[in-house]
Amino acid sequence: MKNIPAYIDEVITEMRKVNWPKRKELVSNTVITLLASLALALFIFGADRVISSILDLIY
């Protein structure tokens, strides 16, 4: 239990070293992430539909 205050002090020290992104950079990265996720979801959806159609023809 006596190590907890030392741990918290170390965490505070390390958090001061963090380089936080600016708002513009954060918004830009968020938009890129959302668009990439949407593109991947659409690709998986399309691949699933194609595979399902092929399996329907086989069965």
PDB file of N, CA and C in Angstrom:
ATOM      1  N   MET A   1       0.823  -1.210   0.000  1.00  0.00           N
ATOM      2  CA  MET A   1       0.000   0.000   0.000  1.00  0.00           C
ATOM      3  C   MET A   1       0.856   1.259   0.000  1.00  0.00           C
ATOM      4  N   LYS A   2       2.072   1.187   0.552  1.00  0.00           N
ATOM      5  CA  LYS A   2       2.892   2.392   0.608  1.00  0.00           C
ATOM      6  C   LYS A   2       3.492   2.768  -0.746  1.00  0.00           C
ATOM      7  N   ASN A   3       3.415   1.869  -1.721  1.00  0.00           N
ATOM      8  CA  ASN A   3       3.932   2.162  -3.061  1.00  0.00           C
ATOM      9  C   ASN A   3       2.931   2.913  -3.930  1.00  0.00           C
ATOM     10  N   ILE A   4       1.682   2.975  -3.496  1.00  0.00           N
ATOM     11  CA  ILE A   4       0.643   3.634  -4.293  1.00  0.00           C
ATOM     12  C   ILE A   4       0.930   5.129  -4.489  1.00  0.00           C
ATOM     13  N   PRO A   5       1.268   5.891  -3.452  1.00  0.00           N
ATOM     14  CA  PRO A   5       1.576   7.313  -3.690  1.00  0.00           C
ATOM     15  C   PRO A   5       2.767   7.511  -4.638  1.00  0.00           C
ATOM     16  N   ALA A   6       3.772   6.653  -4.540  1.00  0.00           N
ATOM     17  CA  ALA A   6       4.924   6.764  -5.448  1.00  0.00           C
ATOM     18  C   ALA A   6       4.486   6.476  -6.879  1.00  0.00           C
ATOM     19  N   TYR A   7       3.632   5.481  -7.047  1.00  0.00           N
ATOM     20  CA  TYR A   7       3.116   5.146  -8.378  1.00  0.00           C
ATOM     21  C   TYR A   7       2.334   6.322  -8.961  1.00  0.00           C
ATOM     22  N   ILE A   8       1.481   6.925  -8.155  1.00  0.00           N
ATOM     23  CA  ILE A   8       0.678   8.059  -8.622  1.00  0.00           C
ATOM     24  C   ILE A   8       1.580   9.231  -8.998  1.00  0.00           C
ATOM     25  N   ASP A   9       2.614   9.480  -8.221  1.00  0.00           N
ATOM     26  CA  ASP A   9       3.571  10.542  -8.560  1.00  0.00           C
ATOM     27  C   ASP A   9       4.258  10.263  -9.897  1.00  0.00           C
ATOM     28  N   GLU A  10       4.630   9.016 -10.137  1.00  0.00           N
ATOM     29  CA  GLU A  10       5.266   8.646 -11.401  1.00  0.00           C
ATOM     30  C   GLU A  10       4.301   8.820 -12.572  1.00  0.00           C
ATOM     31  N   VAL A  11       3.051   8.471 -12.357  1.00  0.00           N
ATOM     32  CA  VAL A  11       2.051   8.631 -13.413  1.00  0.00           C
ATOM     33  C   VAL A  11       1.876  10.105 -13.750  1.00  0.00           C
ATOM     34  N   ILE A  12       1.787  10.938 -12.750  1.00  0.00           N
ATOM     35  CA  ILE A  12       1.632  12.379 -12.973  1.00  0.00           C
ATOM     36  C   ILE A  12       2.842  12.929 -13.727  1.00  0.00           C
ATOM     37  N   THR A  13       4.033  12.504 -13.343  1.00  0.00           N
ATOM     38  CA  THR A  13       5.252  12.951 -14.022  1.00  0.00           C
ATOM     39  C   THR A  13       5.248  12.546 -15.487  1.00  0.00           C
ATOM     40  N   GLU A  14       4.870  11.308 -15.766  1.00  0.00           N
ATOM     41  CA  GLU A  14       4.831  10.829 -17.157  1.00  0.00           C
ATOM     42  C   GLU A  14       3.741  11.515 -17.964  1.00  0.00           C
ATOM     43  N   MET A  15       2.606  11.795 -17.346  1.00  0.00           N
ATOM     44  CA  MET A  15       1.507  12.462 -18.063  1.00  0.00           C
ATOM     45  C   MET A  15       1.896  13.882 -18.471  1.00  0.00           C
ATOM     46  N   ARG A  16       2.779  14.508 -17.736  1.00  0.00           N
ATOM     47  CA  ARG A  16       3.237  15.853 -18.112  1.00  0.00           C
ATOM     48  C   ARG A  16       4.125  15.806 -19.346  1.00  0.00           C
ATOM     49  N   LYS A  17       4.721  14.646 -19.632  1.00  0.00           N
ATOM     50  CA  LYS A  17       5.596  14.493 -20.790  1.00  0.00           C
ATOM     51  C   LYS A  17       4.828  14.181 -22.074  1.00  0.00           C
ATOM     52  N   VAL A  18       3.554  13.865 -21.950  1.00  0.00           N
ATOM     53  CA  VAL A  18       2.755  13.463 -23.108  1.00  0.00           C
ATOM     54  C   VAL A  18       2.556  14.642 -24.049  1.00  0.00           C
ATOM     55  N   ASN A  19       2.707  14.381 -25.343  1.00  0.00           N
ATOM     56  CA  ASN A  19       2.482  15.396 -26.366  1.00  0.00           C
ATOM     57  C   ASN A  19       1.048  15.231 -26.871  1.00  0.00           C
ATOM     58  N   TRP A  20       0.128  16.016 -26.323  1.00  0.00           N
ATOM     59  CA  TRP A  20      -1.282  15.895 -26.684  1.00  0.00           C
ATOM     60  C   TRP A  20      -1.530  16.525 -28.038  1.00  0.00           C
ATOM     61  N   PRO A  21      -2.366  15.899 -28.880  1.00  0.00           N
ATOM     62  CA  PRO A  21      -2.630  16.462 -30.216  1.00  0.00           C
ATOM     63  C   PRO A  21      -3.494  17.714 -30.129  1.00  0.00           C
ATOM     64  N   LYS A  22      -3.310  18.579 -31.120  1.00  0.00           N
ATOM     65  CA  LYS A  22      -4.162  19.764 -31.223  1.00  0.00           C
ATOM     66  C   LYS A  22      -5.538  19.341 -31.725  1.00  0.00           C
ATOM     67  N   ARG A  23      -6.523  20.190 -31.538  1.00  0.00           N
ATOM     68  CA  ARG A  23      -7.901  19.849 -31.916  1.00  0.00           C
ATOM     69  C   ARG A  23      -8.015  19.533 -33.412  1.00  0.00           C
ATOM     70  N   LYS A  24      -7.364  20.327 -34.246  1.00  0.00           N
ATOM     71  CA  LYS A  24      -7.439  20.118 -35.692  1.00  0.00           C
ATOM     72  C   LYS A  24      -6.874  18.744 -36.070  1.00  0.00           C
ATOM     73  N   GLU A  25      -5.755  18.378 -35.476  1.00  0.00           N
ATOM     74  CA  GLU A  25      -5.136  17.084 -35.739  1.00  0.00           C
ATOM     75  C   GLU A  25      -6.024  15.940 -35.243  1.00  0.00           C
ATOM     76  N   LEU A  26      -6.632  16.126 -34.096  1.00  0.00           N
ATOM     77  CA  LEU A  26      -7.519  15.108 -33.530  1.00  0.00           C
ATOM     78  C   LEU A  26      -8.736  14.881 -34.425  1.00  0.00           C
ATOM     79  N   VAL A  27      -9.354  15.968 -34.885  1.00  0.00           N
ATOM     80  CA  VAL A  27     -10.518  15.856 -35.767  1.00  0.00           C
ATOM     81  C   VAL A  27     -10.125  15.194 -37.080  1.00  0.00           C
ATOM     82  N   SER A  28      -8.988  15.582 -37.637  1.00  0.00           N
ATOM     83  CA  SER A  28      -8.511  15.008 -38.895  1.00  0.00           C
ATOM     84  C   SER A  28      -8.288  13.503 -38.757  1.00  0.00           C
ATOM     85  N   ASN A  29      -7.612  13.094 -37.709  1.00  0.00           N
ATOM     86  CA  ASN A  29      -7.358  11.669 -37.493  1.00  0.00           C
ATOM     87  C   ASN A  29      -8.647  10.897 -37.240  1.00  0.00           C
ATOM     88  N   THR A  30      -9.606  11.511 -36.574  1.00  0.00           N
ATOM     89  CA  THR A  30     -10.888  10.862 -36.320  1.00  0.00           C
ATOM     90  C   THR A  30     -11.645  10.639 -37.630  1.00  0.00           C
ATOM     91  N   VAL A  31     -11.647  11.643 -38.499  1.00  0.00           N
ATOM     92  CA  VAL A  31     -12.331  11.519 -39.792  1.00  0.00           C
ATOM     93  C   VAL A  31     -11.675  10.426 -40.632  1.00  0.00           C
ATOM     94  N   ILE A  32     -10.354  10.395 -40.657  1.00  0.00           N
ATOM     95  CA  ILE A  32      -9.638   9.359 -41.409  1.00  0.00           C
ATOM     96  C   ILE A  32      -9.984   7.974 -40.876  1.00  0.00           C
ATOM     97  N   THR A  33     -10.026   7.838 -39.567  1.00  0.00           N
ATOM     98  CA  THR A  33     -10.357   6.551 -38.948  1.00  0.00           C
ATOM     99  C   THR A  33     -11.777   6.121 -39.302  1.00  0.00           C
ATOM    100  N   LEU A  34     -12.725   7.048 -39.234  1.00  0.00           N
ATOM    101  CA  LEU A  34     -14.114   6.714 -39.565  1.00  0.00           C
ATOM    102  C   LEU A  34     -14.259   6.320 -41.035  1.00  0.00           C
ATOM    103  N   LEU A  35     -13.597   7.045 -41.926  1.00  0.00           N
ATOM    104  CA  LEU A  35     -13.676   6.724 -43.354  1.00  0.00           C
ATOM    105  C   LEU A  35     -13.032   5.371 -43.660  1.00  0.00           C
ATOM    106  N   ALA A  36     -11.908   5.093 -43.040  1.00  0.00           N
ATOM    107  CA  ALA A  36     -11.245   3.801 -43.247  1.00  0.00           C
ATOM    108  C   ALA A  36     -12.119   2.666 -42.710  1.00  0.00           C
ATOM    109  N   SER A  37     -12.755   2.882 -41.567  1.00  0.00           N
ATOM    110  CA  SER A  37     -13.647   1.865 -41.005  1.00  0.00           C
ATOM    111  C   SER A  37     -14.843   1.625 -41.908  1.00  0.00           C
ATOM    112  N   LEU A  38     -15.398   2.689 -42.450  1.00  0.00           N
ATOM    113  CA  LEU A  38     -16.531   2.562 -43.368  1.00  0.00           C
ATOM    114  C   LEU A  38     -16.126   1.816 -44.638  1.00  0.00           C
ATOM    115  N   ALA A  39     -14.964   2.150 -45.186  1.00  0.00           N
ATOM    116  CA  ALA A  39     -14.488   1.476 -46.399  1.00  0.00           C
ATOM    117  C   ALA A  39     -14.275  -0.012 -46.136  1.00  0.00           C
ATOM    118  N   LEU A  40     -13.693  -0.350 -45.019  1.00  0.00           N
ATOM    119  CA  LEU A  40     -13.467  -1.755 -44.674  1.00  0.00           C
ATOM    120  C   LEU A  40     -14.789  -2.485 -44.477  1.00  0.00           C
ATOM    121  N   ALA A  41     -15.733  -1.842 -43.814  1.00  0.00           N
ATOM    122  CA  ALA A  41     -17.048  -2.454 -43.595  1.00  0.00           C
ATOM    123  C   ALA A  41     -17.754  -2.699 -44.925  1.00  0.00           C
ATOM    124  N   LEU A  42     -17.681  -1.744 -45.845  1.00  0.00           N
ATOM    125  CA  LEU A  42     -18.300  -1.911 -47.162  1.00  0.00           C
ATOM    126  C   LEU A  42     -17.624  -3.027 -47.956  1.00  0.00           C
ATOM    127  N   PHE A  43     -16.318  -3.124 -47.861  1.00  0.00           N
ATOM    128  CA  PHE A  43     -15.602  -4.198 -48.538  1.00  0.00           C
ATOM    129  C   PHE A  43     -16.026  -5.560 -47.995  1.00  0.00           C
ATOM    130  N   ILE A  44     -16.090  -5.690 -46.677  1.00  0.00           N
ATOM    131  CA  ILE A  44     -16.499  -6.955 -46.069  1.00  0.00           C
ATOM    132  C   ILE A  44     -17.945  -7.285 -46.437  1.00  0.00           C
ATOM    133  N   PHE A  45     -18.814  -6.272 -46.446  1.00  0.00           N
ATOM    134  CA  PHE A  45     -20.204  -6.482 -46.840  1.00  0.00           C
ATOM    135  C   PHE A  45     -20.280  -6.982 -48.277  1.00  0.00           C
ATOM    136  N   GLY A  46     -19.545  -6.325 -49.178  1.00  0.00           N
ATOM    137  CA  GLY A  46     -19.544  -6.722 -50.580  1.00  0.00           C
ATOM    138  C   GLY A  46     -18.999  -8.132 -50.775  1.00  0.00           C
ATOM    139  N   ALA A  47     -17.911  -8.439 -50.094  1.00  0.00           N
ATOM    140  CA  ALA A  47     -17.331  -9.777 -50.208  1.00  0.00           C
ATOM    141  C   ALA A  47     -18.307 -10.826 -49.685  1.00  0.00           C
ATOM    142  N   ASP A  48     -18.990 -10.524 -48.614  1.00  0.00           N
ATOM    143  CA  ASP A  48     -19.973 -11.453 -48.048  1.00  0.00           C
ATOM    144  C   ASP A  48     -21.121 -11.697 -49.020  1.00  0.00           C
ATOM    145  N   ARG A  49     -21.584 -10.627 -49.662  1.00  0.00           N
ATOM    146  CA  ARG A  49     -22.683 -10.775 -50.635  1.00  0.00           C
ATOM    147  C   ARG A  49     -22.243 -11.619 -51.835  1.00  0.00           C
ATOM    148  N   VAL A  50     -21.035 -11.394 -52.327  1.00  0.00           N
ATOM    149  CA  VAL A  50     -20.525 -12.161 -53.468  1.00  0.00           C
ATOM    150  C   VAL A  50     -20.387 -13.633 -53.085  1.00  0.00           C
ATOM    151  N   ILE A  51     -19.792 -13.902 -51.948  1.00  0.00           N
ATOM    152  CA  ILE A  51     -19.618 -15.290 -51.505  1.00  0.00           C
ATOM    153  C   ILE A  51     -20.976 -15.954 -51.282  1.00  0.00           C
ATOM    154  N   SER A  52     -21.915 -15.231 -50.703  1.00  0.00           N
ATOM    155  CA  SER A  52     -23.261 -15.786 -50.493  1.00  0.00           C
ATOM    156  C   SER A  52     -23.933 -16.121 -51.822  1.00  0.00           C
ATOM    157  N   SER A  53     -23.780 -15.244 -52.813  1.00  0.00           N
ATOM    158  CA  SER A  53     -24.371 -15.495 -54.144  1.00  0.00           C
ATOM    159  C   SER A  53     -23.746 -16.726 -54.790  1.00  0.00           C
ATOM    160  N   ILE A  54     -22.448 -16.860 -54.691  1.00  0.00           N
ATOM    161  CA  ILE A  54     -21.761 -18.024 -55.256  1.00  0.00           C
ATOM    162  C   ILE A  54     -22.229 -19.303 -54.557  1.00  0.00           C
ATOM    163  N   LEU A  55     -22.346 -19.262 -53.241  1.00  0.00           N
ATOM    164  CA  LEU A  55     -22.796 -20.451 -52.505  1.00  0.00           C
ATOM    165  C   LEU A  55     -24.254 -20.779 -52.836  1.00  0.00           C
ATOM    166  N   ASP A  56     -25.078 -19.771 -53.062  1.00  0.00           N
ATOM    167  CA  ASP A  56     -26.471 -20.026 -53.473  1.00  0.00           C
ATOM    168  C   ASP A  56     -26.521 -20.752 -54.809  1.00  0.00           C
ATOM    169  N   LEU A  57     -25.626 -20.381 -55.740  1.00  0.00           N
ATOM    170  CA  LEU A  57     -25.571 -21.052 -57.035  1.00  0.00           C
ATOM    171  C   LEU A  57     -25.114 -22.502 -56.891  1.00  0.00           C
ATOM    172  N   ILE A  58     -24.176 -22.723 -55.999  1.00  0.00           N
ATOM    173  CA  ILE A  58     -23.654 -24.079 -55.790  1.00  0.00           C
ATOM    174  C   ILE A  58     -24.699 -24.980 -55.142  1.00  0.00           C
ATOM    175  N   TYR A  59     -25.377 -24.460 -54.133  1.00  0.00           N
ATOM    176  CA  TYR A  59     -26.358 -25.287 -53.417  1.00  0.00           C
ATOM    177  C   TYR A  59     -27.654 -25.326 -54.176  1.00  0.00           C
TER     178      TYR A  59
END
